[in-house]
Amino acid sequence: MSTTVSRVRAAYARIEAVDRPEIWIDLRPRADVESEARAIDERVAAGEQLPLAGRLFAAKGNIDVHGLPTTAGCPAYAYEPETDAPVVARLRAAGAIVLGTTNLDQFATGLVGTRSPYGAVRNAHDPARISGGSSAGSAVAVALGIVDFALGTDTAGSGRVPAAFNGIVGLKPTRGLVPTTGVVPACASIDCVTVFARTLPEAEQALSFMTSPSDRDLPSLPQRTPGPWRIAVAARDQLGELDEGWAEAYEAAVEQLRDAGAEIRTLDLAPFTEAAAMLYQGAFVAERYTAVGSFVDKAVADGIEGLDPTVTGIITRARDIPAHQLYADQERLATLRTRALSELADADALLLPTTPGHPTLAEVAADPLGANARLGRFTNSTNLFDLAAVAVPSGKVSGLPFGVMLIGPAFTDSRLAQIARELEPPVQLAVVGAHLTGQPLNPQLLSLGARLDRTTTTAPVYRLHALATTPPKPGLVHVGSEGGASIEAEVWRLPAKGLGKLLAALPRPMALGSVELADGTRVPGFLCEPSALSDADDITNYGSWRTYVNR
């Protein structure tokens, strides 16, 4: 069985196992996805370069996927797209396979993930809490290990809030670097397509295929003055009310950057939070009416079911905002932006908690507007100010993920990702061959700061092959429970940036994928492209690369 087909089958099995139907709006038929997977493997075997071959992803339900309806979270709004959105097409051209479209706050209006006729999307770690929105289903599909990465959108923070709540990475690129053609707009002038992944290298890899130089001309940025990273932070009294333990978690992230050599200074957060309040309380919300207002008005008049009452209220109230208020708000926003950029000055990034807290489903139901407004305190201003951002996990509070984000001027996306690597917790890596303790490539792990966590075995769903490489190494292939076996594995912990270096230098036919261990957990690990197996001996019966080498 091909590697990609086995990954597809594992993904559909995972969908059944987690039993979270609210994640999805539409899934592609499994047979169609398997057929596409076979075709991908055949193209790779024929020598075609497909850098994302075997990678599985999902797309938020307001992004066009050919063959599936685009609903934007409203069944009555659905239409059949004639083509993939450009961002989807680019990923598929690189070999990635889309499984389906995911649930969202209707018309991408909300940061909670509960405003949908397809059901409230529950948090991946605590089903009593919200997943965060509006890109709710995409974030949870990644967090639960169903897909490798997923597409979201971000107008007020929808590509970052769900990342924080589900313990994953969310990249919000500079506005315009990723095309929004084929995306149902929320506020078209500030919308961004974003990417979720479990690790920063995976997110960056996906994003690299989503952008192109023609989407927005890259300016000549001022040369950065040499020296350590310069990080701006907020004073405690300007953060406002935070959930219990969140202030301490934020301070821990600040100290982590300080320990990594960064220079830390405090800025005035007021222009950021004042602008954040304007996104919904001011005239800018009128653009949401421009996007879908006429449809909502007609649907209300015709008594069409499936409209979320909170979303409907936000959009219909925006219809009556006077034009003079928009001009006044634009003038005020320009003043706030000048102040904000002045506060950033020569700072490389602003570090903030992604949100002030993590509410339960019941708390959001009791106060849907108030809870949502609180969640956008730190995220709402980013696109209004034309800034870039990356959200990353930063430990846990009371057993649940806590996340921070780095915000910087437009086109500093790469710089923000570099800084974010200093914040990522160690990641796990499963190895079964030349990187095992005592084997020739083990020094690579040690040089990256890796430490052995445990020795275990894979789940009994793999075959092991001896590859004709230098140095000799095995190829691990997922085949499923029929014909599969358990293979000895070591799980190492290493800095996330170390994993990124390994991924960047990984030679074919090796690939980084999700490896299922004997206890049912999944961690990143080395797999093998199917094209390398035609002349490779099957050594599964040895149960271990070391046993085979020492035979």
Protein backbone atom coordinates (compact mmCIF):
# COMPACT_ATOMS: atom_id res chain seq x y z
CA MET A 1 0.00 0.00 0.00
CA SER A 2 1.28 3.48 -0.83
CA THR A 3 2.49 5.76 1.94
CA THR A 4 0.03 8.54 1.11
CA VAL A 5 -2.95 6.19 0.88
CA SER A 6 -2.11 4.78 4.30
CA ARG A 7 -1.92 8.30 5.72
CA VAL A 8 -5.32 9.10 4.23
CA ARG A 9 -6.81 5.96 5.76
CA ALA A 10 -5.25 6.80 9.10
CA ALA A 11 -6.79 10.29 8.92
CA TYR A 12 -10.29 8.96 8.27
CA ALA A 13 -9.83 6.44 11.07
CA ARG A 14 -8.80 9.30 13.33
CA ILE A 15 -11.92 11.25 12.36
CA GLU A 16 -14.05 8.32 13.51
CA ALA A 17 -12.01 7.80 16.68
CA VAL A 18 -12.21 11.39 17.97
CA ASP A 19 -15.96 11.58 17.22
CA ARG A 20 -16.06 15.35 16.72
CA PRO A 21 -18.56 15.79 13.86
CA GLU A 22 -18.83 19.51 14.61
CA ILE A 23 -15.31 20.01 13.20
CA TRP A 24 -16.47 19.51 9.64
CA ILE A 25 -18.96 21.06 7.27
CA ASP A 26 -18.14 18.78 4.33
CA LEU A 27 -15.67 15.89 4.02
CA ARG A 28 -14.55 14.67 0.63
CA PRO A 29 -15.54 11.06 -0.14
CA ARG A 30 -12.82 8.78 1.15
CA ALA A 31 -12.56 6.92 -2.16
CA ASP A 32 -11.88 10.18 -4.03
CA VAL A 33 -9.17 11.17 -1.55
CA GLU A 34 -7.52 7.74 -1.74
CA SER A 35 -7.55 7.94 -5.54
CA GLU A 36 -5.82 11.32 -5.38
CA ALA A 37 -3.31 9.88 -2.89
CA ARG A 38 -2.41 7.06 -5.27
CA ALA A 39 -1.92 9.54 -8.07
CA ILE A 40 0.38 11.65 -5.89
CA ASP A 41 2.55 8.65 -5.06
CA GLU A 42 2.70 7.64 -8.72
CA ARG A 43 3.86 11.12 -9.69
CA VAL A 44 6.55 11.09 -7.00
CA ALA A 45 7.67 7.63 -8.07
CA ALA A 46 7.98 8.94 -11.63
CA GLY A 47 10.40 11.59 -10.41
CA GLU A 48 8.09 14.61 -10.11
CA GLN A 49 9.04 17.10 -7.40
CA LEU A 50 6.10 17.47 -5.00
CA PRO A 51 7.46 18.95 -1.76
CA LEU A 52 4.16 18.52 0.12
CA ALA A 53 3.46 15.00 -1.11
CA GLY A 54 1.50 13.08 1.50
CA ARG A 55 0.66 16.13 3.60
CA LEU A 56 -3.01 16.34 4.53
CA PHE A 57 -4.86 19.59 5.18
CA ALA A 58 -8.28 21.09 5.75
CA ALA A 59 -9.75 24.41 4.63
CA LYS A 60 -12.04 26.72 6.55
CA GLY A 61 -15.58 26.64 5.19
CA ASN A 62 -15.38 30.13 3.68
CA ILE A 63 -12.52 29.10 1.37
CA ASP A 64 -13.36 27.57 -2.03
CA VAL A 65 -12.56 23.88 -2.49
CA HIS A 66 -13.62 22.57 -5.87
CA GLY A 67 -16.13 19.74 -5.53
CA LEU A 68 -17.45 20.89 -2.14
CA PRO A 69 -19.96 23.66 -1.43
CA THR A 70 -18.67 26.89 0.07
CA THR A 71 -21.08 27.69 2.90
CA ALA A 72 -19.28 30.25 5.11
CA GLY A 73 -21.10 28.47 7.92
CA CYS A 74 -24.59 29.13 6.49
CA PRO A 75 -26.31 26.30 4.56
CA ALA A 76 -28.62 28.69 2.68
CA TYR A 77 -25.64 30.71 1.42
CA ALA A 78 -23.88 27.69 -0.12
CA TYR A 79 -22.57 27.81 -3.66
CA GLU A 80 -20.53 25.39 -5.77
CA PRO A 81 -17.13 26.90 -6.62
CA GLU A 82 -15.91 26.31 -10.17
CA THR A 83 -12.28 26.10 -9.06
CA ASP A 84 -10.17 25.90 -5.92
CA ALA A 85 -9.27 29.17 -4.26
CA PRO A 86 -5.71 30.05 -5.37
CA VAL A 87 -4.32 29.25 -1.93
CA VAL A 88 -5.85 25.76 -2.05
CA ALA A 89 -4.69 25.25 -5.63
CA ARG A 90 -1.11 26.17 -4.71
CA LEU A 91 -0.97 23.66 -1.88
CA ARG A 92 -2.45 20.91 -4.02
CA ALA A 93 0.02 21.69 -6.80
CA ALA A 94 2.80 21.03 -4.28
CA GLY A 95 1.32 17.60 -3.49
CA ALA A 96 -0.83 18.34 -0.43
CA ILE A 97 -4.27 16.73 -0.23
CA VAL A 98 -7.34 18.52 1.14
CA LEU A 99 -9.74 16.36 3.20
CA GLY A 100 -12.64 18.77 3.50
CA THR A 101 -14.03 22.08 4.72
CA THR A 102 -14.24 22.96 8.41
CA ASN A 103 -16.78 24.61 10.65
CA LEU A 104 -16.55 28.28 11.58
CA ASP A 105 -18.35 31.14 13.24
CA GLN A 106 -20.92 31.99 10.58
CA PHE A 107 -19.58 34.39 7.93
CA ALA A 108 -16.31 34.42 9.92
CA THR A 109 -17.97 36.74 12.45
CA GLY A 110 -16.71 35.83 15.90
CA LEU A 111 -13.76 34.62 17.95
CA VAL A 112 -15.63 31.88 19.82
CA GLY A 113 -16.35 28.97 17.44
CA THR A 114 -19.92 28.54 18.67
CA ARG A 115 -21.90 30.65 16.17
CA SER A 116 -22.72 27.96 13.65
CA PRO A 117 -25.77 25.91 12.66
CA TYR A 118 -23.35 23.01 12.21
CA GLY A 119 -22.76 23.00 15.98
CA ALA A 120 -20.42 24.62 18.46
CA VAL A 121 -16.85 23.43 17.95
CA ARG A 122 -15.54 22.19 21.28
CA ASN A 123 -12.00 22.68 22.48
CA ALA A 124 -9.54 19.89 21.65
CA HIS A 125 -8.37 19.60 25.28
CA ASP A 126 -11.54 20.40 27.28
CA PRO A 127 -14.91 19.88 25.55
CA ALA A 128 -16.57 22.17 28.10
CA ARG A 129 -14.59 25.13 26.75
CA ILE A 130 -14.73 26.95 23.44
CA SER A 131 -12.35 26.15 20.64
CA GLY A 132 -12.00 29.78 19.66
CA GLY A 133 -13.11 31.13 16.32
CA SER A 134 -13.88 31.89 13.74
CA SER A 135 -11.48 29.30 12.30
CA ALA A 136 -12.65 26.79 14.88
CA GLY A 137 -12.83 23.51 12.97
CA SER A 138 -9.50 24.05 11.25
CA ALA A 139 -7.65 24.55 14.54
CA VAL A 140 -9.24 21.55 16.25
CA ALA A 141 -8.60 19.28 13.25
CA VAL A 142 -4.89 20.08 13.58
CA ALA A 143 -4.82 19.84 17.37
CA LEU A 144 -6.46 16.39 17.32
CA GLY A 145 -3.95 15.06 14.79
CA ILE A 146 -6.38 14.57 11.91
CA VAL A 147 -4.54 16.79 9.43
CA ASP A 148 -0.98 18.09 9.23
CA PHE A 149 -2.05 21.69 8.77
CA ALA A 150 -5.21 23.68 8.06
CA LEU A 151 -6.25 26.96 6.50
CA GLY A 152 -8.09 29.62 8.45
CA THR A 153 -8.79 33.30 8.00
CA ASP A 154 -8.00 36.19 10.29
CA THR A 155 -9.77 39.54 10.38
CA ALA A 156 -9.94 40.15 14.13
CA GLY A 157 -7.79 37.29 15.38
CA SER A 158 -9.41 34.18 13.97
CA GLY A 159 -6.09 32.69 12.90
CA ARG A 160 -4.57 33.19 16.36
CA VAL A 161 -7.23 32.79 19.08
CA PRO A 162 -8.05 29.16 18.12
CA ALA A 163 -4.33 28.40 17.96
CA ALA A 164 -3.86 29.61 21.53
CA PHE A 165 -6.83 27.69 22.92
CA ASN A 166 -5.85 24.41 21.24
CA GLY A 167 -2.09 24.51 21.83
CA ILE A 168 -0.95 24.86 18.22
CA VAL A 169 0.78 27.42 15.99
CA GLY A 170 -1.10 30.07 14.02
CA LEU A 171 0.65 32.17 11.37
CA LYS A 172 -1.10 35.39 10.30
CA PRO A 173 0.96 36.74 7.42
CA THR A 174 1.26 40.33 6.34
CA ARG A 175 -1.98 41.38 4.70
CA GLY A 176 -1.90 40.61 0.98
CA LEU A 177 0.99 38.13 0.99
CA VAL A 178 -1.53 35.31 0.59
CA PRO A 179 -4.35 35.88 -1.93
CA THR A 180 -7.92 36.07 -0.64
CA THR A 181 -9.49 35.33 -4.02
CA GLY A 182 -11.99 32.53 -3.56
CA VAL A 183 -12.58 33.44 0.08
CA VAL A 184 -15.98 34.69 1.29
CA PRO A 185 -15.04 38.06 2.80
CA ALA A 186 -15.68 39.18 6.34
CA CYS A 187 -14.03 42.60 5.99
CA ALA A 188 -12.41 42.37 2.58
CA SER A 189 -9.94 45.22 3.11
CA ILE A 190 -8.27 43.54 6.11
CA ASP A 191 -8.95 39.80 5.70
CA CYS A 192 -5.99 37.39 5.71
CA VAL A 193 -5.71 33.67 4.96
CA THR A 194 -3.76 31.94 7.74
CA VAL A 195 -2.29 28.54 8.50
CA PHE A 196 -2.45 26.30 11.59
CA ALA A 197 0.03 23.51 12.37
CA ARG A 198 1.29 21.62 15.39
CA THR A 199 4.83 22.97 14.98
CA LEU A 200 6.30 26.17 13.63
CA PRO A 201 8.40 24.44 10.91
CA GLU A 202 5.29 22.70 9.57
CA ALA A 203 3.35 25.97 9.53
CA GLU A 204 6.18 27.82 7.81
CA GLN A 205 6.56 25.09 5.21
CA ALA A 206 2.88 25.26 4.31
CA LEU A 207 2.88 29.07 4.25
CA SER A 208 5.84 29.11 1.88
CA PHE A 209 3.65 27.51 -0.80
CA MET A 210 0.70 29.81 -0.11
CA THR A 211 2.50 33.05 -0.96
CA SER A 212 3.94 34.40 -4.16
CA PRO A 213 5.83 37.62 -4.86
CA SER A 214 3.09 38.90 -7.15
CA ASP A 215 0.42 38.91 -4.44
CA ARG A 216 1.84 42.03 -2.81
CA ASP A 217 5.03 43.80 -3.79
CA LEU A 218 7.69 43.45 -1.12
CA PRO A 219 9.05 46.83 0.00
CA SER A 220 12.65 47.56 0.88
CA LEU A 221 12.58 47.30 4.66
CA PRO A 222 15.00 49.42 6.70
CA GLN A 223 18.15 47.53 7.61
CA ARG A 224 17.90 46.15 11.13
CA THR A 225 20.54 47.44 13.55
CA PRO A 226 22.70 44.47 14.63
CA GLY A 227 22.27 43.12 18.12
CA PRO A 228 19.99 40.89 20.19
CA TRP A 229 16.28 40.71 19.56
CA ARG A 230 14.49 43.79 20.92
CA ILE A 231 11.12 42.80 22.33
CA ALA A 232 8.42 45.23 23.46
CA VAL A 233 6.06 44.04 26.21
CA ALA A 234 3.03 45.47 27.97
CA ALA A 235 2.96 46.72 31.54
CA ARG A 236 0.85 44.52 33.79
CA ASP A 237 -1.70 47.28 34.52
CA GLN A 238 -2.37 47.77 30.77
CA LEU A 239 -3.21 44.14 30.13
CA GLY A 240 -6.53 44.45 31.93
CA GLU A 241 -8.27 41.57 33.64
CA LEU A 242 -6.72 38.19 32.85
CA ASP A 243 -7.77 34.68 33.81
CA GLU A 244 -6.14 33.29 36.93
CA GLY A 245 -2.54 32.33 36.27
CA TRP A 246 -2.35 34.03 32.87
CA ALA A 247 -0.32 37.05 34.01
CA GLU A 248 2.28 34.71 35.47
CA ALA A 249 2.33 32.64 32.28
CA TYR A 250 2.87 35.80 30.23
CA GLU A 251 5.71 36.89 32.49
CA ALA A 252 7.26 33.44 32.08
CA ALA A 253 7.24 33.92 28.30
CA VAL A 254 8.88 37.32 28.72
CA GLU A 255 11.57 35.77 30.89
CA GLN A 256 12.09 32.96 28.38
CA LEU A 257 12.95 35.52 25.72
CA ARG A 258 15.12 37.45 28.17
CA ASP A 259 17.00 34.24 29.01
CA ALA A 260 17.49 33.68 25.27
CA GLY A 261 19.34 37.02 25.14
CA ALA A 262 16.53 39.38 24.06
CA GLU A 263 16.39 42.97 25.24
CA ILE A 264 13.03 43.64 26.88
CA ARG A 265 11.35 47.04 27.17
CA THR A 266 7.85 48.21 28.04
CA LEU A 267 5.62 50.16 25.66
CA ASP A 268 2.30 51.99 25.95
CA LEU A 269 -0.35 49.46 24.89
CA ALA A 270 -3.17 52.03 24.78
CA PRO A 271 -3.17 52.70 20.99
CA PHE A 272 -3.40 48.96 20.34
CA THR A 273 -6.32 48.33 22.70
CA GLU A 274 -8.16 51.51 21.67
CA ALA A 275 -7.98 50.49 18.02
CA ALA A 276 -9.06 46.95 18.93
CA ALA A 277 -12.29 48.29 20.41
CA MET A 278 -13.02 50.17 17.18
CA LEU A 279 -13.20 47.04 15.02
CA TYR A 280 -16.69 46.12 16.23
CA GLN A 281 -17.78 49.20 18.20
CA GLY A 282 -16.92 51.65 15.41
CA ALA A 283 -17.83 52.01 11.75
CA PHE A 284 -15.44 49.39 10.37
CA VAL A 285 -17.99 46.66 11.04
CA ALA A 286 -20.01 48.15 8.17
CA GLU A 287 -17.73 46.26 5.79
CA ARG A 288 -19.28 43.02 7.07
CA TYR A 289 -22.62 44.29 5.79
CA THR A 290 -21.00 45.05 2.44
CA ALA A 291 -19.83 41.43 2.25
CA VAL A 292 -23.05 39.53 3.01
CA GLY A 293 -25.59 42.07 4.20
CA SER A 294 -27.97 41.84 1.25
CA PHE A 295 -28.08 38.05 1.61
CA VAL A 296 -28.76 38.27 5.34
CA ASP A 297 -31.51 40.88 4.86
CA LYS A 298 -33.28 38.71 2.29
CA ALA A 299 -32.83 35.56 4.36
CA VAL A 300 -34.38 37.26 7.39
CA ALA A 301 -37.27 38.59 5.31
CA ASP A 302 -37.91 35.16 3.79
CA GLY A 303 -37.72 33.40 7.15
CA ILE A 304 -34.83 31.18 6.05
CA GLU A 305 -33.48 28.98 8.82
CA GLY A 306 -29.83 28.49 9.69
CA LEU A 307 -28.88 32.08 10.46
CA ASP A 308 -27.03 32.55 13.74
CA PRO A 309 -28.91 35.24 15.69
CA THR A 310 -25.76 36.86 17.11
CA VAL A 311 -24.11 37.08 13.70
CA THR A 312 -27.30 38.31 12.09
CA GLY A 313 -27.59 41.06 14.68
CA ILE A 314 -24.01 42.22 14.13
CA ILE A 315 -24.39 42.34 10.35
CA THR A 316 -27.83 43.98 10.19
CA ARG A 317 -26.93 46.66 12.73
CA ALA A 318 -23.92 47.54 10.58
CA ARG A 319 -26.29 48.52 7.75
CA ASP A 320 -27.31 51.74 9.48
CA ILE A 321 -23.87 53.12 10.37
CA PRO A 322 -23.62 56.64 8.87
CA ALA A 323 -20.88 57.40 6.36
CA HIS A 324 -19.54 60.31 8.40
CA GLN A 325 -18.73 57.93 11.27
CA LEU A 326 -16.53 55.86 8.97
CA TYR A 327 -14.51 58.92 7.96
CA ALA A 328 -14.15 59.97 11.58
CA ASP A 329 -13.04 56.46 12.57
CA GLN A 330 -10.54 56.30 9.72
CA GLU A 331 -8.99 59.56 10.91
CA ARG A 332 -8.83 58.31 14.50
CA LEU A 333 -7.37 54.97 13.38
CA ALA A 334 -4.62 56.73 11.43
CA THR A 335 -3.67 58.65 14.57
CA LEU A 336 -3.66 55.49 16.68
CA ARG A 337 -1.57 53.64 14.09
CA THR A 338 1.04 56.39 14.11
CA ARG A 339 1.18 56.18 17.89
CA ALA A 340 1.39 52.38 17.83
CA LEU A 341 4.23 52.28 15.30
CA SER A 342 6.03 54.95 17.29
CA GLU A 343 5.70 52.80 20.40
CA LEU A 344 7.17 49.86 18.51
CA ALA A 345 9.97 52.12 17.26
CA ASP A 346 13.06 49.92 16.82
CA ALA A 347 11.51 46.90 18.56
CA ASP A 348 11.61 43.71 16.51
CA ALA A 349 8.29 42.52 17.91
CA LEU A 350 5.59 43.09 20.49
CA LEU A 351 4.92 40.12 22.76
CA LEU A 352 1.38 39.78 24.15
CA PRO A 353 -0.92 37.08 25.50
CA THR A 354 -3.02 35.97 22.55
CA THR A 355 -6.20 36.41 24.59
CA PRO A 356 -7.06 37.57 28.13
CA GLY A 357 -8.67 34.23 29.05
CA HIS A 358 -10.38 31.04 27.93
CA PRO A 359 -14.15 30.94 28.55
CA THR A 360 -16.41 27.93 28.76
CA LEU A 361 -19.22 27.23 26.32
CA ALA A 362 -21.69 28.19 29.06
CA GLU A 363 -19.97 31.54 29.68
CA VAL A 364 -20.12 32.45 26.01
CA ALA A 365 -23.76 31.41 25.78
CA ALA A 366 -24.58 33.67 28.73
CA ASP A 367 -22.85 36.73 27.25
CA PRO A 368 -22.02 36.13 23.57
CA LEU A 369 -21.10 39.71 22.68
CA GLY A 370 -19.22 40.51 25.88
CA ALA A 371 -17.19 37.28 25.84
CA ASN A 372 -16.28 37.78 22.20
CA ALA A 373 -15.22 41.39 22.71
CA ARG A 374 -12.92 40.39 25.56
CA LEU A 375 -11.20 37.75 23.43
CA GLY A 376 -10.22 40.32 20.79
CA ARG A 377 -8.56 42.77 23.17
CA PHE A 378 -5.06 41.99 21.92
CA THR A 379 -5.79 40.68 18.40
CA ASN A 380 -8.36 43.07 16.89
CA SER A 381 -5.93 45.86 16.05
CA THR A 382 -3.37 43.79 14.13
CA ASN A 383 -4.97 43.91 10.68
CA LEU A 384 -6.31 47.43 11.18
CA PHE A 385 -2.69 48.51 11.68
CA ASP A 386 -1.43 46.32 8.79
CA LEU A 387 0.86 44.25 11.02
CA ALA A 388 2.09 40.65 10.84
CA ALA A 389 1.69 38.14 13.69
CA VAL A 390 2.47 34.63 14.82
CA ALA A 391 0.75 32.82 17.70
CA VAL A 392 2.58 30.00 19.48
CA PRO A 393 1.96 27.80 22.54
CA SER A 394 3.70 28.93 25.71
CA GLY A 395 3.06 26.32 28.37
CA LYS A 396 -0.12 25.51 30.23
CA VAL A 397 -2.27 27.11 32.93
CA SER A 398 -4.47 24.82 35.02
CA GLY A 399 -3.80 22.01 32.57
CA LEU A 400 -4.96 23.93 29.48
CA PRO A 401 -2.85 25.50 26.72
CA PHE A 402 -1.68 29.07 27.17
CA GLY A 403 -0.55 30.99 24.10
CA VAL A 404 1.29 34.18 23.26
CA MET A 405 1.73 36.07 20.02
CA LEU A 406 4.44 38.16 18.46
CA ILE A 407 3.33 41.17 16.42
CA GLY A 408 5.53 43.23 14.11
CA PRO A 409 5.41 45.62 11.17
CA ALA A 410 4.25 44.44 7.76
CA PHE A 411 6.68 42.14 5.96
CA THR A 412 8.54 41.12 9.12
CA ASP A 413 6.92 37.67 8.96
CA SER A 414 10.22 35.80 8.76
CA ARG A 415 11.67 37.79 11.65
CA LEU A 416 8.65 37.03 13.86
CA ALA A 417 9.00 33.33 13.12
CA GLN A 418 12.68 33.44 14.07
CA ILE A 419 11.84 35.02 17.41
CA ALA A 420 8.95 32.61 17.96
CA ARG A 421 11.39 29.70 17.80
CA GLU A 422 12.80 30.92 21.11
CA LEU A 423 9.35 30.45 22.68
CA GLU A 424 8.38 27.05 21.38
CA PRO A 425 8.56 24.25 23.94
CA PRO A 426 10.64 21.19 23.08
CA VAL A 427 9.05 18.93 20.50
CA GLN A 428 9.12 15.16 20.29
CA LEU A 429 10.68 13.20 17.43
CA ALA A 430 10.35 9.44 16.85
CA VAL A 431 13.36 7.75 15.23
CA VAL A 432 13.70 4.12 14.16
CA GLY A 433 17.00 3.96 12.27
CA ALA A 434 20.25 5.83 11.75
CA HIS A 435 19.34 8.44 14.40
CA LEU A 436 18.95 5.84 17.17
CA THR A 437 21.38 5.92 20.08
CA GLY A 438 24.77 4.66 18.93
CA GLN A 439 23.90 4.85 15.24
CA PRO A 440 25.80 7.04 12.71
CA LEU A 441 23.35 9.96 12.55
CA ASN A 442 22.65 10.18 16.29
CA PRO A 443 25.23 12.98 16.67
CA GLN A 444 22.94 15.15 14.50
CA LEU A 445 20.30 14.99 17.22
CA LEU A 446 22.78 15.64 20.01
CA SER A 447 24.21 18.68 18.20
CA LEU A 448 20.71 20.19 18.08
CA GLY A 449 20.23 19.85 21.83
CA ALA A 450 18.10 16.71 21.68
CA ARG A 451 17.67 14.48 24.73
CA LEU A 452 16.41 10.89 24.77
CA ASP A 453 12.95 10.75 26.32
CA ARG A 454 12.11 7.04 26.10
CA THR A 455 12.48 3.84 24.14
CA THR A 456 9.24 2.29 22.92
CA THR A 457 7.71 0.74 19.81
CA THR A 458 5.40 1.96 17.11
CA ALA A 459 1.82 0.82 16.86
CA PRO A 460 1.58 -2.49 14.91
CA VAL A 461 0.78 -0.74 11.64
CA TYR A 462 4.20 -0.32 9.98
CA ARG A 463 6.66 -2.16 7.74
CA LEU A 464 10.43 -1.51 7.84
CA HIS A 465 12.66 -1.60 4.76
CA ALA A 466 16.45 -1.39 4.36
CA LEU A 467 17.18 1.48 1.98
CA ALA A 468 20.16 1.76 -0.35
CA THR A 469 21.44 5.02 1.16
CA THR A 470 24.69 6.33 2.62
CA PRO A 471 24.87 5.87 5.52
CA PRO A 472 22.49 2.89 5.54
CA LYS A 473 19.11 3.70 6.99
CA PRO A 474 15.65 2.14 7.09
CA GLY A 475 12.39 3.35 5.60
CA LEU A 476 9.32 3.20 7.85
CA VAL A 477 6.03 2.82 5.98
CA HIS A 478 2.50 2.86 7.38
CA VAL A 479 0.48 -0.08 6.02
CA GLY A 480 -2.37 -0.38 8.52
CA SER A 481 -3.29 -3.19 10.88
CA GLU A 482 -3.35 -5.81 8.13
CA GLY A 483 0.28 -6.77 7.57
CA GLY A 484 1.69 -4.19 9.95
CA ALA A 485 4.03 -4.81 12.88
CA SER A 486 5.53 -2.97 15.86
CA ILE A 487 8.98 -1.48 15.28
CA GLU A 488 11.44 -0.40 17.95
CA ALA A 489 11.54 3.40 18.27
CA GLU A 490 13.20 6.05 20.38
CA VAL A 491 11.39 9.28 21.23
CA TRP A 492 13.66 12.29 21.57
CA ARG A 493 12.91 15.80 22.79
CA LEU A 494 14.58 18.69 21.01
CA PRO A 495 14.09 22.43 20.50
CA ALA A 496 11.52 23.24 17.83
CA LYS A 497 14.11 25.18 15.85
CA GLY A 498 16.24 22.01 15.88
CA LEU A 499 13.39 20.09 14.28
CA GLY A 500 13.17 22.84 11.68
CA LYS A 501 16.86 22.39 10.84
CA LEU A 502 16.40 18.63 10.51
CA LEU A 503 13.41 19.13 8.22
CA ALA A 504 15.26 21.62 6.04
CA ALA A 505 18.21 19.25 5.59
CA LEU A 506 16.22 16.02 5.28
CA PRO A 507 17.33 14.15 2.15
CA ARG A 508 15.01 12.19 -0.05
CA PRO A 509 13.53 9.64 0.22
CA MET A 510 13.04 10.50 3.89
CA ALA A 511 10.03 12.57 4.98
CA LEU A 512 8.71 13.94 8.25
CA GLY A 513 5.26 12.71 9.19
CA SER A 514 3.08 11.63 12.10
CA VAL A 515 4.17 8.33 13.69
CA GLU A 516 1.72 6.37 15.84
CA LEU A 517 3.29 4.83 18.94
CA ALA A 518 2.29 1.74 20.90
CA ASP A 519 0.33 3.80 23.45
CA GLY A 520 -1.78 5.41 20.72
CA THR A 521 -0.06 8.81 20.81
CA ARG A 522 1.28 10.41 17.66
CA VAL A 523 4.53 12.33 17.36
CA PRO A 524 6.52 13.67 14.42
CA GLY A 525 8.89 11.06 13.03
CA PHE A 526 10.82 9.90 9.98
CA LEU A 527 8.85 8.09 7.28
CA CYS A 528 9.81 7.11 3.75
CA GLU A 529 8.62 8.00 0.26
CA PRO A 530 7.17 4.94 -1.51
CA SER A 531 9.38 5.47 -4.57
CA ALA A 532 12.40 4.23 -2.57
CA LEU A 533 10.91 0.84 -1.70
CA SER A 534 11.02 -0.88 -5.05
CA ASP A 535 14.55 -2.26 -4.50
CA ALA A 536 14.58 -2.16 -0.69
CA ASP A 537 14.54 -5.34 1.39
CA ASP A 538 11.64 -5.75 3.81
CA ILE A 539 13.25 -6.24 7.24
CA THR A 540 10.12 -5.96 9.35
CA ASN A 541 10.61 -9.42 10.84
CA TYR A 542 13.68 -8.15 12.72
CA GLY A 543 11.46 -5.72 14.65
CA SER A 544 14.29 -3.22 14.98
CA TRP A 545 16.89 -1.48 12.84
CA ARG A 546 19.52 -2.22 15.49
CA THR A 547 18.70 -5.92 15.45
CA TYR A 548 18.97 -5.95 11.66
CA VAL A 549 22.32 -4.08 11.69
CA ASN A 550 23.73 -6.42 14.36
CA ARG A 551 22.37 -9.61 12.78
